Amino acid sequence: MNDGQNSFGRQAFDLAERTATFGEAVIELAIAVRRVDIVGPLVRQLVRSGTSIGANYTEADEVGAANASGGFARGKS
């Protein structure tokens, strides 16, 4: 798999990089949207939702790495 492909013969992508790129695209879209009163709250929510995926992925990845290395995850009850 040194050629950048996964076991299915498809291009392998770094999920952290993909989520960052997605967040950047969401921000670019938000900047391009025409400013009218009704759209403001929707654009803000879009940016919050579209950029939070990167943070959520990073946190889940860190928990998974800690569990794999014999650490423990601090859970919410």
N, C-alpha and C. Protein backbone atom coordinates (compact mmCIF):
# COMPACT_ATOMS: atom_id res chain seq x y z
N MET A 1 0.82 -1.19 0.00
CA MET A 1 0.00 0.00 0.00
C MET A 1 0.86 1.26 0.00
N ASN A 2 2.05 1.18 -0.46
CA ASN A 2 2.93 2.32 -0.53
C ASN A 2 2.55 3.28 -1.64
N ASP A 3 1.66 2.87 -2.51
CA ASP A 3 1.27 3.73 -3.63
C ASP A 3 0.10 4.65 -3.30
N GLY A 4 -0.25 4.77 -2.01
CA GLY A 4 -1.33 5.65 -1.61
C GLY A 4 -2.71 5.06 -1.74
N GLN A 5 -2.79 3.74 -1.93
CA GLN A 5 -4.09 3.09 -2.06
C GLN A 5 -4.34 2.20 -0.86
N ASN A 6 -5.61 2.02 -0.54
CA ASN A 6 -5.97 1.14 0.55
C ASN A 6 -6.15 -0.29 0.02
N SER A 7 -6.59 -1.19 0.88
CA SER A 7 -6.70 -2.60 0.49
C SER A 7 -7.80 -2.85 -0.55
N PHE A 8 -8.66 -1.87 -0.79
CA PHE A 8 -9.72 -2.01 -1.78
C PHE A 8 -9.31 -1.43 -3.13
N GLY A 9 -8.06 -0.98 -3.24
CA GLY A 9 -7.59 -0.41 -4.49
C GLY A 9 -8.03 1.02 -4.71
N ARG A 10 -8.58 1.65 -3.68
CA ARG A 10 -9.01 3.04 -3.78
C ARG A 10 -7.96 3.95 -3.16
N GLN A 11 -8.00 5.21 -3.53
CA GLN A 11 -7.08 6.19 -2.98
C GLN A 11 -7.29 6.30 -1.47
N ALA A 12 -6.22 6.20 -0.71
CA ALA A 12 -6.29 6.35 0.74
C ALA A 12 -6.20 7.82 1.11
N PHE A 13 -7.06 8.27 2.01
CA PHE A 13 -7.07 9.66 2.43
C PHE A 13 -6.96 9.74 3.94
N ASP A 14 -6.28 10.75 4.41
CA ASP A 14 -6.16 11.01 5.83
C ASP A 14 -7.44 11.71 6.29
N LEU A 15 -8.18 11.08 7.19
CA LEU A 15 -9.47 11.63 7.60
C LEU A 15 -9.31 12.97 8.31
N ALA A 16 -8.26 13.15 9.09
CA ALA A 16 -8.04 14.44 9.75
C ALA A 16 -7.87 15.54 8.70
N GLU A 17 -7.13 15.25 7.65
CA GLU A 17 -6.94 16.23 6.57
C GLU A 17 -8.25 16.49 5.85
N ARG A 18 -9.02 15.46 5.62
CA ARG A 18 -10.30 15.62 4.93
C ARG A 18 -11.28 16.46 5.73
N THR A 19 -11.32 16.27 7.06
CA THR A 19 -12.23 17.06 7.88
C THR A 19 -11.79 18.52 7.92
N ALA A 20 -10.48 18.77 7.93
CA ALA A 20 -9.98 20.14 7.90
C ALA A 20 -10.34 20.81 6.58
N THR A 21 -10.17 20.09 5.48
CA THR A 21 -10.51 20.62 4.17
C THR A 21 -12.00 20.91 4.08
N PHE A 22 -12.82 20.03 4.64
CA PHE A 22 -14.27 20.24 4.64
C PHE A 22 -14.62 21.50 5.42
N GLY A 23 -14.03 21.68 6.59
CA GLY A 23 -14.29 22.87 7.40
C GLY A 23 -13.92 24.14 6.66
N GLU A 24 -12.79 24.11 5.97
CA GLU A 24 -12.36 25.27 5.18
C GLU A 24 -13.35 25.56 4.05
N ALA A 25 -13.86 24.51 3.42
CA ALA A 25 -14.84 24.70 2.34
C ALA A 25 -16.14 25.29 2.88
N VAL A 26 -16.55 24.87 4.06
CA VAL A 26 -17.76 25.41 4.67
C VAL A 26 -17.58 26.90 4.95
N ILE A 27 -16.42 27.27 5.46
CA ILE A 27 -16.15 28.69 5.74
C ILE A 27 -16.15 29.50 4.45
N GLU A 28 -15.54 28.96 3.40
CA GLU A 28 -15.54 29.66 2.11
C GLU A 28 -16.97 29.85 1.59
N LEU A 29 -17.80 28.83 1.75
CA LEU A 29 -19.20 28.94 1.35
C LEU A 29 -19.91 30.02 2.15
N ALA A 30 -19.68 30.04 3.46
CA ALA A 30 -20.33 31.02 4.33
C ALA A 30 -19.93 32.44 3.94
N ILE A 31 -18.69 32.63 3.54
CA ILE A 31 -18.23 33.94 3.12
C ILE A 31 -18.92 34.35 1.81
N ALA A 32 -19.16 33.39 0.94
CA ALA A 32 -19.74 33.68 -0.37
C ALA A 32 -21.25 33.91 -0.33
N VAL A 33 -21.92 33.50 0.73
CA VAL A 33 -23.38 33.62 0.81
C VAL A 33 -23.77 35.09 0.93
N ARG A 34 -24.79 35.46 0.18
CA ARG A 34 -25.30 36.84 0.22
C ARG A 34 -25.84 37.14 1.61
N ARG A 35 -25.51 38.29 2.13
CA ARG A 35 -25.92 38.67 3.48
C ARG A 35 -27.32 39.27 3.49
N VAL A 36 -28.24 38.52 4.04
CA VAL A 36 -29.58 39.02 4.31
C VAL A 36 -29.95 38.55 5.71
N ASP A 37 -30.86 39.25 6.36
CA ASP A 37 -31.18 38.98 7.76
C ASP A 37 -31.56 37.54 8.04
N ILE A 38 -32.38 36.96 7.20
CA ILE A 38 -32.89 35.61 7.45
C ILE A 38 -31.79 34.56 7.35
N VAL A 39 -30.76 34.83 6.57
CA VAL A 39 -29.71 33.84 6.31
C VAL A 39 -28.64 33.82 7.40
N GLY A 40 -28.47 34.93 8.11
CA GLY A 40 -27.40 35.03 9.11
C GLY A 40 -27.36 33.88 10.11
N PRO A 41 -28.47 33.60 10.81
CA PRO A 41 -28.44 32.49 11.78
C PRO A 41 -28.16 31.13 11.13
N LEU A 42 -28.66 30.94 9.93
CA LEU A 42 -28.42 29.67 9.24
C LEU A 42 -26.95 29.50 8.87
N VAL A 43 -26.33 30.58 8.41
CA VAL A 43 -24.92 30.52 8.04
C VAL A 43 -24.07 30.27 9.28
N ARG A 44 -24.39 30.94 10.39
CA ARG A 44 -23.63 30.71 11.63
C ARG A 44 -23.74 29.26 12.08
N GLN A 45 -24.94 28.70 11.99
CA GLN A 45 -25.13 27.29 12.37
C GLN A 45 -24.39 26.37 11.42
N LEU A 46 -24.40 26.67 10.15
CA LEU A 46 -23.67 25.87 9.17
C LEU A 46 -22.17 25.86 9.49
N VAL A 47 -21.62 27.02 9.81
CA VAL A 47 -20.19 27.09 10.14
C VAL A 47 -19.90 26.31 11.42
N ARG A 48 -20.73 26.46 12.43
CA ARG A 48 -20.50 25.70 13.68
C ARG A 48 -20.56 24.20 13.43
N SER A 49 -21.55 23.76 12.68
CA SER A 49 -21.71 22.33 12.42
C SER A 49 -20.61 21.80 11.49
N GLY A 50 -20.32 22.55 10.46
CA GLY A 50 -19.35 22.11 9.47
C GLY A 50 -17.93 22.08 9.96
N THR A 51 -17.61 22.92 10.93
CA THR A 51 -16.24 22.93 11.45
C THR A 51 -16.08 22.06 12.69
N SER A 52 -17.17 21.70 13.35
CA SER A 52 -17.05 20.89 14.56
C SER A 52 -16.68 19.44 14.25
N ILE A 53 -16.91 18.99 13.03
CA ILE A 53 -16.59 17.61 12.70
C ILE A 53 -15.10 17.32 12.90
N GLY A 54 -14.26 18.29 12.58
CA GLY A 54 -12.82 18.10 12.77
C GLY A 54 -12.46 17.92 14.24
N ALA A 55 -13.05 18.73 15.09
CA ALA A 55 -12.79 18.61 16.53
C ALA A 55 -13.33 17.30 17.07
N ASN A 56 -14.52 16.91 16.63
CA ASN A 56 -15.10 15.65 17.09
C ASN A 56 -14.26 14.46 16.64
N TYR A 57 -13.79 14.49 15.40
CA TYR A 57 -12.96 13.40 14.91
C TYR A 57 -11.65 13.32 15.70
N THR A 58 -11.02 14.47 15.92
CA THR A 58 -9.75 14.50 16.64
C THR A 58 -9.91 13.93 18.04
N GLU A 59 -10.97 14.32 18.74
CA GLU A 59 -11.22 13.82 20.08
C GLU A 59 -11.44 12.31 20.07
N ALA A 60 -12.25 11.83 19.15
CA ALA A 60 -12.51 10.39 19.06
C ALA A 60 -11.25 9.62 18.72
N ASP A 61 -10.43 10.18 17.85
CA ASP A 61 -9.17 9.54 17.46
C ASP A 61 -8.22 9.45 18.65
N GLU A 62 -8.16 10.50 19.47
CA GLU A 62 -7.30 10.49 20.65
C GLU A 62 -7.77 9.46 21.67
N VAL A 63 -9.08 9.35 21.85
CA VAL A 63 -9.63 8.35 22.77
C VAL A 63 -9.32 6.95 22.26
N GLY A 64 -9.49 6.75 20.95
CA GLY A 64 -9.19 5.44 20.36
C GLY A 64 -7.72 5.09 20.52
N ALA A 65 -6.83 6.06 20.34
CA ALA A 65 -5.40 5.82 20.49
C ALA A 65 -5.06 5.50 21.94
N ALA A 66 -5.70 6.19 22.88
CA ALA A 66 -5.44 5.92 24.30
C ALA A 66 -5.91 4.51 24.68
N ASN A 67 -7.06 4.11 24.15
CA ASN A 67 -7.58 2.77 24.42
C ASN A 67 -6.68 1.70 23.80
N ALA A 68 -6.18 1.96 22.62
CA ALA A 68 -5.33 0.99 21.94
C ALA A 68 -3.98 0.83 22.63
N SER A 69 -3.52 1.90 23.29
CA SER A 69 -2.21 1.83 23.95
C SER A 69 -2.32 1.41 25.40
N GLY A 70 -3.49 0.97 25.83
CA GLY A 70 -3.66 0.49 27.19
C GLY A 70 -4.09 1.57 28.15
N GLY A 71 -4.32 2.77 27.65
CA GLY A 71 -4.83 3.85 28.48
C GLY A 71 -6.32 3.65 28.70
N PHE A 72 -6.93 4.63 29.28
CA PHE A 72 -8.37 4.53 29.46
C PHE A 72 -9.03 5.82 29.01
N ALA A 73 -10.27 5.70 28.62
CA ALA A 73 -11.02 6.87 28.16
C ALA A 73 -11.87 7.38 29.30
N ARG A 74 -11.91 8.67 29.43
CA ARG A 74 -12.76 9.29 30.42
C ARG A 74 -14.13 9.46 29.79
N GLY A 75 -15.09 8.71 30.26
CA GLY A 75 -16.41 8.75 29.65
C GLY A 75 -17.35 9.66 30.38
N LYS A 76 -18.41 10.03 29.69
CA LYS A 76 -19.48 10.82 30.29
C LYS A 76 -20.60 9.88 30.67
N SER A 77 -21.16 10.09 31.83
CA SER A 77 -22.25 9.20 32.24
C SER A 77 -23.55 9.91 32.34
